[in-house]
N, C-alpha and C. Protein backbone atom coordinates (compact mmCIF):
# COMPACT_ATOMS: atom_id res chain seq x y z
N MET A 1 33.82 45.93 32.44
CA MET A 1 33.12 46.05 31.95
C MET A 1 32.87 45.67 30.06
N PHE A 2 32.79 46.76 29.81
CA PHE A 2 32.35 47.53 28.55
C PHE A 2 33.44 48.24 27.78
N ASN A 3 34.38 47.69 26.75
CA ASN A 3 35.25 48.65 26.11
C ASN A 3 34.58 49.52 25.43
N ARG A 4 34.56 50.79 26.11
CA ARG A 4 33.26 52.43 25.87
C ARG A 4 34.04 52.41 24.08
N PRO A 5 35.00 52.68 23.67
CA PRO A 5 36.15 52.85 22.61
C PRO A 5 35.47 52.19 21.58
N LEU A 6 35.51 50.60 21.90
CA LEU A 6 34.88 49.76 20.83
C LEU A 6 33.25 49.64 20.70
N LEU A 7 32.86 49.64 21.43
CA LEU A 7 31.27 49.60 21.59
C LEU A 7 30.62 50.94 20.60
N LEU A 8 31.41 52.44 20.62
CA LEU A 8 31.27 53.24 19.97
C LEU A 8 31.63 53.26 18.49
N LEU A 9 32.60 52.47 18.42
CA LEU A 9 33.48 52.31 16.78
C LEU A 9 32.55 50.94 16.01
N SER A 10 31.94 49.58 17.25
CA SER A 10 31.16 49.00 16.46
C SER A 10 29.52 49.66 15.99
N SER A 11 29.21 50.96 17.14
CA SER A 11 27.63 51.05 16.44
C SER A 11 27.91 51.94 15.69
N THR A 12 29.08 52.77 15.47
CA THR A 12 29.09 53.64 14.09
C THR A 12 29.30 53.16 12.89
N LEU A 13 29.97 51.77 13.01
CA LEU A 13 30.22 50.90 11.77
C LEU A 13 28.60 50.49 11.53
N LEU A 14 28.12 50.34 12.33
CA LEU A 14 26.88 49.51 11.78
C LEU A 14 25.95 50.19 11.59
N LEU A 15 26.07 51.88 11.96
CA LEU A 15 24.85 52.45 11.43
C LEU A 15 25.07 53.12 10.74
N SER A 16 26.55 53.51 10.16
CA SER A 16 26.95 53.22 8.72
C SER A 16 26.50 52.94 7.75
N ALA A 17 26.93 51.22 8.13
CA ALA A 17 26.28 50.62 7.32
C ALA A 17 24.81 50.74 6.79
N CYS A 18 24.06 50.52 7.61
CA CYS A 18 22.37 51.11 7.72
C CYS A 18 22.11 52.22 6.77
N ALA A 19 23.15 53.34 6.91
CA ALA A 19 22.53 54.50 6.02
C ALA A 19 22.99 54.46 4.47
N SER A 20 24.16 53.59 4.61
CA SER A 20 24.76 53.57 3.21
C SER A 20 24.34 53.16 2.19
N SER A 21 23.03 52.67 1.82
CA SER A 21 21.97 51.87 0.62
C SER A 21 21.68 52.75 0.15
N TYR A 22 21.44 52.66 -1.21
CA TYR A 22 20.78 53.59 -2.18
C TYR A 22 18.87 53.48 -2.16
N LYS A 23 18.37 54.72 -2.05
CA LYS A 23 16.80 54.97 -1.92
C LYS A 23 16.77 56.23 -3.36
N VAL A 24 16.05 55.58 -3.86
CA VAL A 24 15.03 56.30 -4.85
C VAL A 24 14.47 57.48 -4.51
N PRO A 25 14.78 59.18 -4.63
CA PRO A 25 14.20 60.18 -4.47
C PRO A 25 12.66 59.34 -4.63
N GLU A 26 12.21 60.30 -3.67
CA GLU A 26 9.79 59.99 -3.65
C GLU A 26 9.84 60.61 -5.36
N LEU A 27 9.20 60.02 -5.78
CA LEU A 27 8.23 60.95 -6.75
C LEU A 27 9.15 61.07 -8.04
N ALA A 28 10.08 60.37 -8.48
CA ALA A 28 10.97 60.00 -9.35
C ALA A 28 10.99 58.74 -10.15
N ASP A 29 11.05 59.56 -11.21
CA ASP A 29 10.69 58.62 -12.57
C ASP A 29 11.55 58.38 -12.52
N THR A 30 11.04 56.03 -12.66
CA THR A 30 12.31 55.21 -12.58
C THR A 30 12.68 54.56 -13.55
N ALA A 31 13.66 53.35 -13.28
CA ALA A 31 14.14 52.09 -14.71
C ALA A 31 14.09 51.30 -13.50
N ASN A 32 14.27 50.33 -14.31
CA ASN A 32 15.12 49.20 -13.62
C ASN A 32 16.08 48.38 -14.44
N ILE A 33 17.26 47.71 -13.08
CA ILE A 33 18.25 47.67 -13.59
C ILE A 33 18.46 46.16 -13.00
N THR A 34 18.18 44.68 -13.78
CA THR A 34 18.73 43.81 -13.38
C THR A 34 19.98 43.49 -13.34
N ILE A 35 20.47 43.19 -12.23
CA ILE A 35 21.96 42.38 -11.31
C ILE A 35 21.92 41.45 -11.60
N LYS A 36 23.14 40.65 -12.35
CA LYS A 36 23.40 39.24 -12.72
C LYS A 36 24.42 39.10 -12.27
N HIS A 37 25.37 38.19 -11.25
CA HIS A 37 26.24 37.47 -11.21
C HIS A 37 26.23 36.09 -11.84
N SER A 38 28.07 37.03 -12.65
CA SER A 38 28.95 35.59 -13.86
C SER A 38 29.78 34.21 -13.65
N LEU A 39 29.84 35.15 -12.29
CA LEU A 39 31.11 33.45 -12.08
C LEU A 39 30.23 32.33 -11.26
N PRO A 40 30.46 31.25 -12.01
CA PRO A 40 29.83 29.81 -11.00
C PRO A 40 30.71 29.80 -10.04
N MET A 41 31.86 30.17 -9.74
CA MET A 41 32.39 29.58 -8.43
C MET A 41 32.09 29.67 -7.39
N TYR A 42 32.08 29.04 -6.39
CA TYR A 42 31.84 29.32 -5.32
C TYR A 42 32.46 29.15 -4.48
N PRO A 43 33.33 30.38 -3.38
CA PRO A 43 32.12 31.76 -3.21
C PRO A 43 32.67 32.84 -4.13
N SER A 44 31.70 33.56 -3.79
CA SER A 44 32.16 34.69 -5.81
C SER A 44 30.97 35.24 -5.30
N SER A 45 31.28 37.03 -5.62
CA SER A 45 30.01 38.13 -5.49
C SER A 45 30.28 38.91 -6.53
N THR A 46 29.14 39.53 -6.81
CA THR A 46 29.26 40.93 -7.16
C THR A 46 28.56 41.58 -6.91
N THR A 47 29.11 43.42 -6.10
CA THR A 47 28.21 44.07 -5.62
C THR A 47 28.86 45.54 -6.83
N VAL A 48 27.31 46.20 -6.68
CA VAL A 48 27.21 47.13 -7.21
C VAL A 48 26.51 48.53 -6.35
N ASN A 49 27.68 49.51 -6.56
CA ASN A 49 27.42 50.57 -6.15
C ASN A 49 26.81 51.86 -7.20
N ILE A 50 26.27 52.80 -6.24
CA ILE A 50 25.53 53.99 -7.36
C ILE A 50 26.37 54.98 -6.73
N PHE A 51 26.71 55.91 -7.20
CA PHE A 51 27.06 57.70 -7.15
C PHE A 51 26.23 58.23 -8.31
N ASP A 52 26.67 59.73 -8.06
CA ASP A 52 25.79 60.44 -8.74
C ASP A 52 27.28 61.38 -9.46
N ASN A 53 28.37 60.76 -9.40
CA ASN A 53 29.67 61.40 -9.77
C ASN A 53 30.68 60.58 -9.77
N GLN A 54 31.66 61.16 -10.43
CA GLN A 54 32.72 59.59 -11.64
C GLN A 54 33.98 59.84 -10.28
N GLU A 55 33.65 60.83 -8.88
CA GLU A 55 35.07 60.52 -8.05
C GLU A 55 34.71 59.64 -7.08
N CYS A 56 33.43 58.82 -7.08
CA CYS A 56 32.30 58.23 -6.19
C CYS A 56 32.37 58.55 -4.85
N VAL A 57 32.51 59.87 -4.70
CA VAL A 57 32.04 61.02 -3.19
C VAL A 57 30.52 60.76 -2.97
N ALA A 58 30.85 59.97 -1.79
CA ALA A 58 29.30 59.41 -1.13
C ALA A 58 28.13 61.40 -1.03
N SER A 59 27.01 61.03 -1.32
CA SER A 59 26.26 61.90 -1.23
C SER A 59 24.66 61.36 -1.02
N GLU A 60 23.97 61.78 -1.00
CA GLU A 60 22.37 61.28 -0.26
C GLU A 60 22.34 59.89 -1.36
N GLN A 61 22.45 60.47 -2.92
CA GLN A 61 22.17 59.80 -3.77
C GLN A 61 23.10 58.50 -4.22
N SER A 62 23.83 57.80 -2.99
CA SER A 62 24.86 57.03 -3.26
C SER A 62 24.60 55.51 -2.56
N GLY A 63 25.43 54.74 -2.86
CA GLY A 63 25.46 53.20 -1.64
C GLY A 63 25.45 52.61 -2.42
N ARG A 64 25.18 51.29 -1.63
CA ARG A 64 25.32 49.88 -2.21
C ARG A 64 23.44 49.77 -3.19
N LEU A 65 24.02 49.71 -4.28
CA LEU A 65 22.58 49.20 -4.80
C LEU A 65 21.96 47.71 -4.93
N ALA A 66 23.44 47.14 -5.24
CA ALA A 66 23.10 45.22 -5.03
C ALA A 66 24.38 44.72 -4.44
N LYS A 67 23.98 43.46 -4.00
CA LYS A 67 25.25 43.02 -4.06
C LYS A 67 24.93 40.88 -3.95
N VAL A 68 24.91 40.27 -5.43
CA VAL A 68 24.77 38.89 -5.88
C VAL A 68 25.78 37.86 -5.81
N GLY A 69 25.39 36.81 -5.59
CA GLY A 69 26.35 36.01 -5.79
C GLY A 69 26.02 34.60 -5.21
N ASN A 70 27.22 33.61 -5.04
CA ASN A 70 27.48 32.60 -4.81
C ASN A 70 28.22 32.09 -3.78
N ASP A 71 27.20 32.48 -2.60
CA ASP A 71 28.14 32.79 -1.18
C ASP A 71 26.79 32.41 -0.23
N SER A 72 26.93 31.49 0.67
CA SER A 72 26.08 31.24 1.85
C SER A 72 25.09 32.41 2.37
N MET A 73 26.00 33.28 2.41
CA MET A 73 25.46 34.87 3.22
C MET A 73 24.81 35.96 2.02
N ILE A 74 25.10 35.38 0.56
CA ILE A 74 24.19 36.37 -0.39
C ILE A 74 23.16 35.33 -0.95
N LYS A 75 22.18 35.54 -0.56
CA LYS A 75 20.78 34.56 -0.77
C LYS A 75 20.42 34.96 -2.82
N ASP A 76 20.68 35.96 -3.26
CA ASP A 76 20.50 36.16 -4.50
C ASP A 76 21.34 35.74 -5.67
N LYS A 77 21.34 35.87 -6.75
CA LYS A 77 21.87 35.45 -8.09
C LYS A 77 21.78 36.88 -9.09
N VAL A 78 20.85 37.32 -9.20
CA VAL A 78 19.90 37.87 -9.83
C VAL A 78 19.09 38.41 -9.09
N LEU A 79 19.20 40.02 -9.54
CA LEU A 79 18.13 41.03 -8.40
C LEU A 79 18.25 42.51 -9.20
N THR A 80 17.02 42.59 -8.69
CA THR A 80 16.39 43.52 -9.53
C THR A 80 15.94 44.86 -8.86
N VAL A 81 16.80 46.27 -9.33
CA VAL A 81 17.03 47.15 -8.68
C VAL A 81 15.96 47.97 -9.27
N GLN A 82 15.44 48.85 -8.45
CA GLN A 82 15.09 50.57 -9.36
C GLN A 82 16.14 51.74 -9.25
N VAL A 83 16.13 52.27 -9.99
CA VAL A 83 17.32 54.00 -10.15
C VAL A 83 16.66 54.75 -10.02
N GLU A 84 16.46 56.35 -10.17
CA GLU A 84 16.06 57.21 -10.36
C GLU A 84 16.63 57.53 -12.16
N ALA A 85 15.96 57.85 -12.88
CA ALA A 85 15.65 57.93 -14.63
C ALA A 85 15.92 59.40 -14.90
N GLY A 86 16.73 59.46 -15.71
CA GLY A 86 16.48 61.13 -16.60
C GLY A 86 17.46 61.92 -15.84
N GLU A 87 18.79 61.04 -15.26
CA GLU A 87 19.95 61.47 -14.44
C GLU A 87 20.80 60.73 -14.58
N PRO A 88 22.29 61.01 -14.58
CA PRO A 88 23.35 60.27 -14.75
C PRO A 88 23.67 59.77 -13.84
N VAL A 89 23.58 58.26 -13.85
CA VAL A 89 24.15 57.61 -12.92
C VAL A 89 25.99 56.82 -12.93
N PHE A 90 26.15 56.91 -11.89
CA PHE A 90 27.74 56.18 -12.03
C PHE A 90 27.38 54.83 -11.49
N LEU A 91 28.14 53.74 -12.25
CA LEU A 91 27.77 52.19 -11.03
C LEU A 91 29.29 51.71 -11.22
N ALA A 92 29.30 51.72 -9.99
CA ALA A 92 30.51 51.32 -9.61
C ALA A 92 30.38 49.71 -9.35
N SER A 93 31.18 48.91 -9.99
CA SER A 93 31.25 47.14 -9.96
C SER A 93 32.58 45.96 -9.06
N HIS A 94 32.02 45.42 -8.42
CA HIS A 94 33.80 44.84 -7.71
C HIS A 94 33.09 43.39 -7.98
N LEU A 95 33.80 42.55 -8.65
CA LEU A 95 33.70 41.32 -8.66
C LEU A 95 34.50 40.51 -8.27
N TRP A 96 34.28 39.45 -7.30
CA TRP A 96 35.64 38.88 -6.59
C TRP A 96 35.20 36.97 -6.51
N LYS A 97 35.96 36.75 -6.00
CA LYS A 97 36.12 35.01 -5.60
C LYS A 97 36.88 34.78 -5.12
N GLU A 98 36.71 33.82 -4.27
CA GLU A 98 38.14 32.77 -3.00
C GLU A 98 38.25 32.19 -3.69
N SER A 99 39.10 31.66 -3.34
CA SER A 99 40.29 30.11 -3.24
C SER A 99 39.92 29.30 -1.88
N GLY A 100 39.43 28.50 -1.86
CA GLY A 100 39.41 27.55 -0.57
C GLY A 100 38.20 27.51 -0.09
N SER A 101 38.20 27.33 0.95
CA SER A 101 36.68 26.93 1.91
C SER A 101 36.09 28.34 2.04
N GLU A 102 34.69 27.98 1.83
CA GLU A 102 34.41 29.55 2.10
C GLU A 102 34.56 30.10 3.44
N ARG A 103 34.68 31.33 3.40
CA ARG A 103 35.05 32.01 4.69
C ARG A 103 36.30 31.74 5.60
N HIS A 104 37.07 30.80 4.66
CA HIS A 104 38.39 30.30 5.75
C HIS A 104 39.35 30.21 4.16
N GLY A 105 39.35 31.08 3.01
CA GLY A 105 39.90 30.98 1.89
C GLY A 105 40.93 32.01 1.91
N TYR A 106 41.31 32.27 0.79
CA TYR A 106 42.08 34.15 0.09
C TYR A 106 40.96 34.20 -0.82
N LEU A 107 41.16 35.87 -1.37
CA LEU A 107 41.00 36.39 -2.46
C LEU A 107 41.21 35.77 -3.43
N SER A 108 41.22 35.48 -4.33
CA SER A 108 42.23 35.07 -5.34
C SER A 108 41.76 35.61 -7.03
N PHE A 109 40.57 36.46 -7.03
CA PHE A 109 40.58 37.42 -7.86
C PHE A 109 39.85 38.25 -7.59
N HIS A 110 40.13 39.57 -7.78
CA HIS A 110 39.01 40.80 -7.69
C HIS A 110 38.99 41.52 -8.86
N CYS A 111 38.00 42.15 -9.09
CA CYS A 111 38.46 43.61 -10.14
C CYS A 111 37.26 44.11 -9.98
N SER A 112 37.52 45.94 -10.14
CA SER A 112 36.68 46.78 -9.99
C SER A 112 36.27 47.16 -11.51
N ASN A 113 34.74 48.04 -11.48
CA ASN A 113 34.80 48.68 -13.12
C ASN A 113 33.67 49.80 -12.39
N LEU A 114 33.57 50.97 -13.57
CA LEU A 114 32.82 52.05 -13.11
C LEU A 114 32.25 52.95 -14.41
N ILE A 115 31.10 52.82 -14.89
CA ILE A 115 30.63 53.12 -15.90
C ILE A 115 29.33 54.64 -14.98
N SER A 116 29.17 54.84 -16.61
CA SER A 116 27.99 56.00 -16.19
C SER A 116 27.31 55.80 -17.88
N PHE A 117 25.79 55.91 -17.53
CA PHE A 117 24.97 56.21 -18.19
C PHE A 117 23.65 57.18 -18.11
N THR A 118 22.86 57.70 -18.39
CA THR A 118 21.47 58.30 -17.87
C THR A 118 20.46 56.89 -18.08
N PRO A 119 19.48 56.45 -17.53
CA PRO A 119 18.52 55.70 -17.60
C PRO A 119 17.73 56.41 -18.12
N LYS A 120 16.65 55.31 -18.83
CA LYS A 120 15.37 56.27 -19.21
C LYS A 120 14.26 55.84 -18.38
N LYS A 121 12.78 56.25 -18.41
CA LYS A 121 12.00 56.09 -18.17
C LYS A 121 11.72 55.02 -18.04
N ASN A 122 10.86 54.24 -17.21
CA ASN A 122 10.11 52.95 -17.15
C ASN A 122 11.09 51.85 -18.17
N THR A 123 11.89 51.52 -18.56
CA THR A 123 13.22 50.99 -19.07
C THR A 123 13.74 50.02 -18.23
N ASP A 124 14.02 49.23 -19.07
CA ASP A 124 14.40 47.74 -18.12
C ASP A 124 15.70 47.50 -18.95
N TYR A 125 16.96 47.23 -17.90
CA TYR A 125 18.32 46.93 -18.31
C TYR A 125 18.84 45.94 -17.29
N VAL A 126 20.05 45.28 -18.04
CA VAL A 126 20.61 44.32 -17.73
C VAL A 126 21.97 44.58 -17.35
N LEU A 127 22.59 44.12 -15.79
CA LEU A 127 24.00 44.50 -15.63
C LEU A 127 24.94 43.43 -15.43
N LYS A 128 25.75 43.10 -15.95
CA LYS A 128 26.45 41.75 -15.65
C LYS A 128 28.45 42.41 -15.07
N ALA A 129 29.25 42.13 -14.29
CA ALA A 129 30.33 42.07 -14.19
C ALA A 129 30.65 41.09 -14.81
N ARG A 130 31.66 41.23 -15.85
CA ARG A 130 31.95 39.43 -16.67
C ARG A 130 33.68 39.48 -16.51
N ALA A 131 33.97 38.34 -15.72
CA ALA A 131 35.53 38.24 -15.46
C ALA A 131 36.16 38.09 -16.97
N LEU A 132 37.37 38.68 -17.57
CA LEU A 132 37.97 38.56 -18.33
C LEU A 132 39.47 37.56 -17.98
N LYS A 133 40.38 37.46 -19.23
CA LYS A 133 41.35 36.80 -18.88
C LYS A 133 42.54 37.97 -18.22
N ASN A 134 43.81 37.25 -17.75
CA ASN A 134 44.71 38.60 -17.29
C ASN A 134 43.96 39.07 -16.07
N ALA A 135 43.07 38.41 -15.23
CA ALA A 135 42.98 39.20 -14.01
C ALA A 135 41.88 40.49 -14.19
N ARG A 136 41.42 40.59 -15.65
CA ARG A 136 40.32 41.88 -16.07
C ARG A 136 39.28 41.36 -15.61
N CYS A 137 38.48 42.59 -15.73
CA CYS A 137 36.57 42.28 -15.91
C CYS A 137 36.23 43.70 -16.79
N GLU A 138 35.27 43.59 -16.59
CA GLU A 138 34.17 44.54 -17.75
C GLU A 138 32.73 44.35 -17.11
N ILE A 139 32.30 45.93 -17.18
CA ILE A 139 30.30 45.87 -16.75
C ILE A 139 30.06 45.60 -17.95
N GLU A 140 29.18 44.59 -18.14
CA GLU A 140 27.90 44.38 -19.52
C GLU A 140 26.88 45.18 -19.20
N LEU A 141 26.57 45.85 -19.98
CA LEU A 141 25.08 46.88 -19.65
C LEU A 141 24.26 46.77 -20.64
N LEU A 142 23.35 46.22 -20.51
CA LEU A 142 22.44 46.11 -21.98
C LEU A 142 20.63 46.93 -21.59
N GLU A 143 20.09 47.55 -22.44
CA GLU A 143 18.89 47.38 -22.29
C GLU A 143 18.43 45.98 -22.62
N LYS A 144 17.38 45.42 -21.86
CA LYS A 144 16.75 44.08 -21.54
C LYS A 144 16.01 43.75 -22.72
N HIS A 145 15.25 44.36 -23.37
CA HIS A 145 14.73 44.14 -24.35
C HIS A 145 15.28 44.05 -25.83
N SER A 146 15.85 45.21 -26.32
CA SER A 146 16.64 45.67 -27.79
C SER A 146 18.10 44.51 -26.98
N LYS A 147 18.43 44.65 -26.00
CA LYS A 147 19.81 44.05 -26.27
C LYS A 147 20.92 44.72 -26.94
N LYS A 148 20.48 45.95 -26.26
CA LYS A 148 21.75 46.79 -27.65
C LYS A 148 22.02 47.93 -25.70
N VAL A 149 23.30 48.30 -26.48
CA VAL A 149 24.28 49.11 -25.22
C VAL A 149 23.50 50.09 -25.28
N PRO A 150 22.74 50.98 -24.32
CA PRO A 150 22.59 52.17 -23.61
C PRO A 150 23.19 53.53 -24.30
N ALA A 151 22.60 54.44 -24.83
CA ALA A 151 23.14 55.37 -25.83
C ALA A 151 24.10 56.09 -24.53
N GLY A 152 25.29 56.64 -24.80
CA GLY A 152 25.89 57.76 -23.71
C GLY A 152 26.74 56.72 -22.67
N ILE A 153 26.66 55.44 -23.54
CA ILE A 153 27.48 54.93 -21.74
C ILE A 153 28.66 55.18 -21.53
N LYS A 154 29.58 55.47 -20.14
CA LYS A 154 31.20 56.02 -20.90
C LYS A 154 32.13 54.97 -19.69
N LYS A 155 32.76 54.71 -19.53
CA LYS A 155 33.82 53.68 -19.13
C LYS A 155 34.71 54.69 -18.45
N TYR A 156 35.01 54.67 -17.09
CA TYR A 156 36.15 55.13 -15.95
C TYR A 156 36.91 54.14 -15.80
N LYS A 157 38.27 55.00 -15.06
CA LYS A 157 38.82 53.77 -14.48
C LYS A 157 38.11 53.96 -12.67
N SER A 158 37.89 52.68 -12.41
CA SER A 158 37.64 52.65 -10.90
C SER A 158 38.42 53.24 -10.11
N LYS A 159 38.21 53.94 -8.83
CA LYS A 159 38.79 54.38 -7.92
C LYS A 159 38.38 53.25 -6.18
N GLU A 160 39.70 53.51 -5.62
CA GLU A 160 38.78 52.62 -4.34
C GLU A 160 37.60 53.31 -3.85
N ALA A 161 37.60 54.46 -3.65
CA ALA A 161 36.08 54.93 -3.21
C ALA A 161 35.51 54.23 -3.71
N CYS A 162 35.00 53.70 -5.15
CA CYS A 162 34.04 53.44 -5.79
C CYS A 162 33.37 51.98 -4.90
N ASN A 163 34.39 51.59 -4.08
CA ASN A 163 33.65 50.13 -3.38
C ASN A 163 33.57 50.19 -2.35
N LYS A 164 33.77 51.60 -1.77
CA LYS A 164 33.28 51.40 -0.29
C LYS A 164 32.07 52.63 -0.12
N THR A 165 30.61 51.91 0.05
CA THR A 165 29.83 52.61 0.70
C THR A 165 29.77 52.28 2.48
N GLY A 166 30.61 52.02 3.55
CA GLY A 166 30.20 51.90 4.58
C GLY A 166 29.58 50.81 5.22
N PHE A 167 30.42 49.37 4.21
CA PHE A 167 30.04 47.86 4.48
C PHE A 167 30.74 47.71 4.83
N LEU A 168 31.21 46.71 5.32
CA LEU A 168 32.32 45.96 6.10
C LEU A 168 32.93 45.07 4.79
N ASP A 169 31.77 44.11 3.97
CA ASP A 169 32.47 43.42 2.93
C ASP A 169 32.55 43.75 1.65
N LEU A 170 33.07 43.24 0.62
CA LEU A 170 33.53 43.65 -0.42
C LEU A 170 32.57 43.80 -1.59
């Protein structure tokens, strides 16, 4: 018959994945962030998670913001999302690529970053996680129209918790 512990674990993981997506609070002022995947390699992706604290402790205002990339299971290379404006947000990016064939290769590059800033109401931003030399990467965040870095942006050391939001994939 059914393996009850396995069924309970599977149900819990599935429910935690569904519960982890970020939602803008009702009636909140908003800003838009266009998230762009920067690696041309296949398969590769960029995941961006959002938190209200630099420790990446989960709360009602945290979760998966977007996943974009070059992969048969990811439909978008660019995605625009809304975030709450007027409050500091912490954005954690995880950039990865596989070598070998899709889903049968090995992780040959992965890199994480954490930044914070306070989005302005009705402002558009563009975010890219960019690969650098020596297996490093950075988040590039610019105001879309001025192409300038937002005032007050801060960079932090990313923690393992910053890339976990209840989803099973990177």
